[in-house]
Amino acid sequence: MKNKIHPKNYRLVVFKDINNDKIIICKSTIKTKEYIKINDKDYPLYKMEISSYSHPFFTGEKRFLGKTGPAEKFKKKYEKYNKIKKNYNI
């Protein structure tokens, strides 16, 4: 491995899944602005939209997470062009 490429500022950080309020505590260098108190100790808090606790692959559930994905945004953006094509039989 190369020397002097890894960060030195690892610390315990709380990663919180905002869909179900589950938490994971592990070492990280991620920058955070919020803190959370667990067992009378303050930890930096990072809020995640999805984790293994809520991802359908890991839970086996099919559910809508509330946000539109890239495919839906693309279809919505270009659906007006499809209407024009149909009118001109292109």
N, C-alpha and C. Protein backbone atom coordinates (compact mmCIF):
# COMPACT_ATOMS: atom_id res chain seq x y z
N MET A 1 0.83 -1.19 0.00
CA MET A 1 0.00 0.00 0.00
C MET A 1 0.87 1.25 0.00
N LYS A 2 0.31 2.31 -0.55
CA LYS A 2 1.04 3.57 -0.58
C LYS A 2 1.04 4.21 0.80
N ASN A 3 2.11 4.86 1.12
CA ASN A 3 2.23 5.57 2.39
C ASN A 3 1.60 6.95 2.29
N LYS A 4 1.07 7.43 3.40
CA LYS A 4 0.57 8.80 3.57
C LYS A 4 -0.60 9.15 2.66
N ILE A 5 -1.42 8.19 2.28
CA ILE A 5 -2.61 8.52 1.49
C ILE A 5 -3.90 8.36 2.28
N HIS A 6 -3.84 7.71 3.41
CA HIS A 6 -5.04 7.48 4.20
C HIS A 6 -5.23 8.58 5.24
N PRO A 7 -6.49 9.02 5.45
CA PRO A 7 -6.73 10.09 6.43
C PRO A 7 -6.43 9.63 7.85
N LYS A 8 -6.09 10.58 8.69
CA LYS A 8 -5.76 10.29 10.09
C LYS A 8 -6.89 10.62 11.05
N ASN A 9 -7.93 11.30 10.57
CA ASN A 9 -8.97 11.80 11.46
C ASN A 9 -10.20 10.90 11.55
N TYR A 10 -10.02 9.59 11.66
CA TYR A 10 -11.14 8.68 11.87
C TYR A 10 -11.71 8.89 13.27
N ARG A 11 -13.05 8.84 13.36
CA ARG A 11 -13.72 8.96 14.65
C ARG A 11 -15.04 8.20 14.57
N LEU A 12 -15.63 7.91 15.71
CA LEU A 12 -16.92 7.23 15.71
C LEU A 12 -18.02 8.19 15.25
N VAL A 13 -18.83 7.75 14.31
CA VAL A 13 -19.92 8.56 13.75
C VAL A 13 -21.18 7.71 13.77
N VAL A 14 -22.32 8.36 14.06
CA VAL A 14 -23.62 7.69 14.03
C VAL A 14 -24.24 7.95 12.66
N PHE A 15 -24.54 6.86 11.94
CA PHE A 15 -25.26 6.94 10.68
C PHE A 15 -26.70 6.55 10.96
N LYS A 16 -27.65 7.44 10.67
CA LYS A 16 -29.06 7.21 11.00
C LYS A 16 -29.88 7.12 9.73
N ASP A 17 -30.62 6.03 9.58
CA ASP A 17 -31.54 5.85 8.46
C ASP A 17 -32.81 6.63 8.77
N ILE A 18 -33.13 7.65 7.98
CA ILE A 18 -34.28 8.51 8.27
C ILE A 18 -35.61 7.84 7.97
N ASN A 19 -35.60 6.70 7.25
CA ASN A 19 -36.85 6.00 6.95
C ASN A 19 -37.38 5.22 8.14
N ASN A 20 -36.49 4.70 8.98
CA ASN A 20 -36.96 3.88 10.10
C ASN A 20 -36.22 4.16 11.41
N ASP A 21 -35.41 5.19 11.46
CA ASP A 21 -34.70 5.64 12.66
C ASP A 21 -33.72 4.61 13.23
N LYS A 22 -33.27 3.68 12.42
CA LYS A 22 -32.23 2.74 12.85
C LYS A 22 -30.88 3.45 12.77
N ILE A 23 -29.95 3.07 13.66
CA ILE A 23 -28.64 3.72 13.67
C ILE A 23 -27.53 2.68 13.54
N ILE A 24 -26.42 3.15 12.98
CA ILE A 24 -25.20 2.36 12.86
C ILE A 24 -24.08 3.25 13.39
N ILE A 25 -23.27 2.74 14.28
CA ILE A 25 -22.13 3.49 14.80
C ILE A 25 -20.87 2.83 14.27
N CYS A 26 -20.08 3.61 13.53
CA CYS A 26 -18.81 3.08 13.02
C CYS A 26 -17.84 4.23 12.81
N LYS A 27 -16.60 3.90 12.54
CA LYS A 27 -15.58 4.93 12.33
C LYS A 27 -15.68 5.49 10.93
N SER A 28 -15.50 6.81 10.83
CA SER A 28 -15.60 7.48 9.55
C SER A 28 -14.88 8.82 9.61
N THR A 29 -14.62 9.38 8.45
CA THR A 29 -14.03 10.72 8.36
C THR A 29 -15.03 11.72 7.79
N ILE A 30 -16.29 11.31 7.63
CA ILE A 30 -17.30 12.17 7.02
C ILE A 30 -17.51 13.43 7.87
N LYS A 31 -17.71 14.54 7.18
CA LYS A 31 -17.95 15.81 7.87
C LYS A 31 -19.44 15.92 8.18
N THR A 32 -19.76 16.28 9.42
CA THR A 32 -21.15 16.42 9.85
C THR A 32 -21.36 17.74 10.56
N LYS A 33 -22.61 18.19 10.58
CA LYS A 33 -22.96 19.43 11.29
C LYS A 33 -23.80 19.15 12.53
N GLU A 34 -24.41 17.98 12.58
CA GLU A 34 -25.30 17.64 13.69
C GLU A 34 -24.63 16.63 14.63
N TYR A 35 -25.14 16.60 15.86
CA TYR A 35 -24.64 15.66 16.86
C TYR A 35 -25.83 14.98 17.52
N ILE A 36 -25.59 13.79 18.07
CA ILE A 36 -26.62 13.04 18.77
C ILE A 36 -26.01 12.48 20.05
N LYS A 37 -26.80 12.44 21.11
CA LYS A 37 -26.32 11.91 22.38
C LYS A 37 -26.81 10.48 22.55
N ILE A 38 -25.88 9.55 22.72
CA ILE A 38 -26.20 8.14 22.95
C ILE A 38 -25.39 7.69 24.16
N ASN A 39 -26.10 7.17 25.16
CA ASN A 39 -25.45 6.73 26.41
C ASN A 39 -24.57 7.82 27.03
N ASP A 40 -25.12 9.02 27.11
CA ASP A 40 -24.44 10.20 27.70
C ASP A 40 -23.15 10.57 26.98
N LYS A 41 -23.03 10.23 25.71
CA LYS A 41 -21.85 10.61 24.93
C LYS A 41 -22.32 11.20 23.61
N ASP A 42 -21.72 12.33 23.21
CA ASP A 42 -22.07 12.98 21.96
C ASP A 42 -21.29 12.37 20.80
N TYR A 43 -22.03 12.07 19.72
CA TYR A 43 -21.43 11.55 18.50
C TYR A 43 -21.83 12.44 17.33
N PRO A 44 -20.98 12.59 16.33
CA PRO A 44 -21.40 13.26 15.10
C PRO A 44 -22.50 12.44 14.43
N LEU A 45 -23.49 13.10 13.84
CA LEU A 45 -24.64 12.43 13.24
C LEU A 45 -24.68 12.69 11.74
N TYR A 46 -24.82 11.60 10.97
CA TYR A 46 -25.01 11.69 9.52
C TYR A 46 -26.32 10.98 9.19
N LYS A 47 -27.26 11.70 8.54
CA LYS A 47 -28.56 11.13 8.21
C LYS A 47 -28.53 10.58 6.78
N MET A 48 -28.94 9.31 6.65
CA MET A 48 -28.96 8.64 5.35
C MET A 48 -30.40 8.46 4.89
N GLU A 49 -30.62 8.51 3.59
CA GLU A 49 -31.95 8.27 3.06
C GLU A 49 -32.25 6.79 2.97
N ILE A 50 -31.22 5.97 2.81
CA ILE A 50 -31.44 4.54 2.67
C ILE A 50 -30.23 3.79 3.21
N SER A 51 -30.49 2.65 3.82
CA SER A 51 -29.43 1.79 4.35
C SER A 51 -29.86 0.34 4.18
N SER A 52 -29.08 -0.57 4.69
CA SER A 52 -29.47 -1.98 4.59
C SER A 52 -30.71 -2.28 5.41
N TYR A 53 -31.06 -1.41 6.36
CA TYR A 53 -32.28 -1.60 7.14
C TYR A 53 -33.54 -1.26 6.35
N SER A 54 -33.42 -0.41 5.31
CA SER A 54 -34.61 0.00 4.57
C SER A 54 -34.55 -0.29 3.07
N HIS A 55 -33.41 -0.75 2.56
CA HIS A 55 -33.30 -1.02 1.12
C HIS A 55 -34.09 -2.28 0.77
N PRO A 56 -34.90 -2.23 -0.29
CA PRO A 56 -35.72 -3.39 -0.65
C PRO A 56 -34.92 -4.67 -0.92
N PHE A 57 -33.71 -4.56 -1.41
CA PHE A 57 -32.90 -5.75 -1.66
C PHE A 57 -32.64 -6.51 -0.36
N PHE A 58 -32.36 -5.79 0.71
CA PHE A 58 -32.04 -6.43 1.98
C PHE A 58 -33.29 -6.81 2.78
N THR A 59 -34.37 -6.04 2.62
CA THR A 59 -35.58 -6.31 3.41
C THR A 59 -36.52 -7.28 2.72
N GLY A 60 -36.39 -7.44 1.41
CA GLY A 60 -37.27 -8.32 0.66
C GLY A 60 -38.63 -7.70 0.37
N GLU A 61 -38.80 -6.43 0.69
CA GLU A 61 -40.07 -5.74 0.46
C GLU A 61 -39.99 -4.94 -0.82
N LYS A 62 -41.15 -4.78 -1.45
CA LYS A 62 -41.25 -3.86 -2.57
C LYS A 62 -42.04 -2.67 -2.06
N ARG A 63 -41.44 -1.50 -2.10
CA ARG A 63 -42.15 -0.32 -1.64
C ARG A 63 -41.59 0.90 -2.32
N PHE A 64 -42.39 1.95 -2.35
CA PHE A 64 -41.99 3.20 -2.96
C PHE A 64 -41.38 4.07 -1.88
N LEU A 65 -40.19 4.60 -2.12
CA LEU A 65 -39.47 5.36 -1.11
C LEU A 65 -39.82 6.85 -1.10
N GLY A 66 -40.64 7.30 -2.06
CA GLY A 66 -41.09 8.67 -2.01
C GLY A 66 -40.36 9.61 -2.94
N LYS A 67 -39.23 9.22 -3.44
CA LYS A 67 -38.49 10.08 -4.35
C LYS A 67 -38.53 9.48 -5.74
N THR A 68 -38.57 10.34 -6.74
CA THR A 68 -38.54 9.83 -8.10
C THR A 68 -37.11 9.56 -8.49
N GLY A 69 -36.94 8.51 -9.19
CA GLY A 69 -35.60 8.13 -9.63
C GLY A 69 -35.25 8.79 -10.95
N PRO A 70 -34.05 8.55 -11.45
CA PRO A 70 -33.60 9.17 -12.69
C PRO A 70 -34.45 8.77 -13.89
N ALA A 71 -34.93 7.54 -13.93
CA ALA A 71 -35.75 7.10 -15.07
C ALA A 71 -37.07 7.87 -15.13
N GLU A 72 -37.71 8.06 -13.98
CA GLU A 72 -38.97 8.79 -13.95
C GLU A 72 -38.77 10.25 -14.34
N LYS A 73 -37.69 10.85 -13.88
CA LYS A 73 -37.40 12.24 -14.25
C LYS A 73 -37.17 12.36 -15.75
N PHE A 74 -36.46 11.40 -16.34
CA PHE A 74 -36.19 11.41 -17.77
C PHE A 74 -37.48 11.29 -18.56
N LYS A 75 -38.35 10.34 -18.17
CA LYS A 75 -39.61 10.14 -18.87
C LYS A 75 -40.49 11.38 -18.80
N LYS A 76 -40.54 12.00 -17.62
CA LYS A 76 -41.37 13.19 -17.46
C LYS A 76 -40.85 14.34 -18.31
N LYS A 77 -39.52 14.47 -18.36
CA LYS A 77 -38.90 15.57 -19.11
C LYS A 77 -39.18 15.44 -20.60
N TYR A 78 -39.16 14.21 -21.14
CA TYR A 78 -39.27 14.02 -22.58
C TYR A 78 -40.62 13.51 -23.04
N GLU A 79 -41.62 13.46 -22.17
CA GLU A 79 -42.92 12.96 -22.60
C GLU A 79 -43.60 13.92 -23.57
N LYS A 80 -43.30 15.22 -23.48
CA LYS A 80 -43.91 16.17 -24.43
C LYS A 80 -43.40 15.93 -25.84
N TYR A 81 -42.17 15.46 -26.00
CA TYR A 81 -41.63 15.17 -27.32
C TYR A 81 -42.29 13.92 -27.91
N ASN A 82 -42.65 12.97 -27.07
CA ASN A 82 -43.36 11.78 -27.55
C ASN A 82 -44.74 12.15 -28.08
N LYS A 83 -45.41 13.10 -27.44
CA LYS A 83 -46.72 13.55 -27.92
C LYS A 83 -46.59 14.21 -29.28
N ILE A 84 -45.55 14.99 -29.50
CA ILE A 84 -45.33 15.64 -30.79
C ILE A 84 -45.08 14.59 -31.87
N LYS A 85 -44.29 13.58 -31.56
CA LYS A 85 -44.01 12.51 -32.52
C LYS A 85 -45.29 11.78 -32.93
N LYS A 86 -46.16 11.52 -31.95
CA LYS A 86 -47.41 10.81 -32.25
C LYS A 86 -48.32 11.64 -33.16
N ASN A 87 -48.33 12.96 -32.95
CA ASN A 87 -49.17 13.82 -33.77
C ASN A 87 -48.70 13.87 -35.22
N TYR A 88 -47.40 13.75 -35.44
CA TYR A 88 -46.84 13.82 -36.79
C TYR A 88 -46.54 12.44 -37.37
N ASN A 89 -46.88 11.38 -36.63
CA ASN A 89 -46.64 10.00 -37.04
C ASN A 89 -45.18 9.77 -37.44
N ILE A 90 -44.28 10.23 -36.62
CA ILE A 90 -42.83 10.05 -36.89
C ILE A 90 -42.36 8.74 -36.34
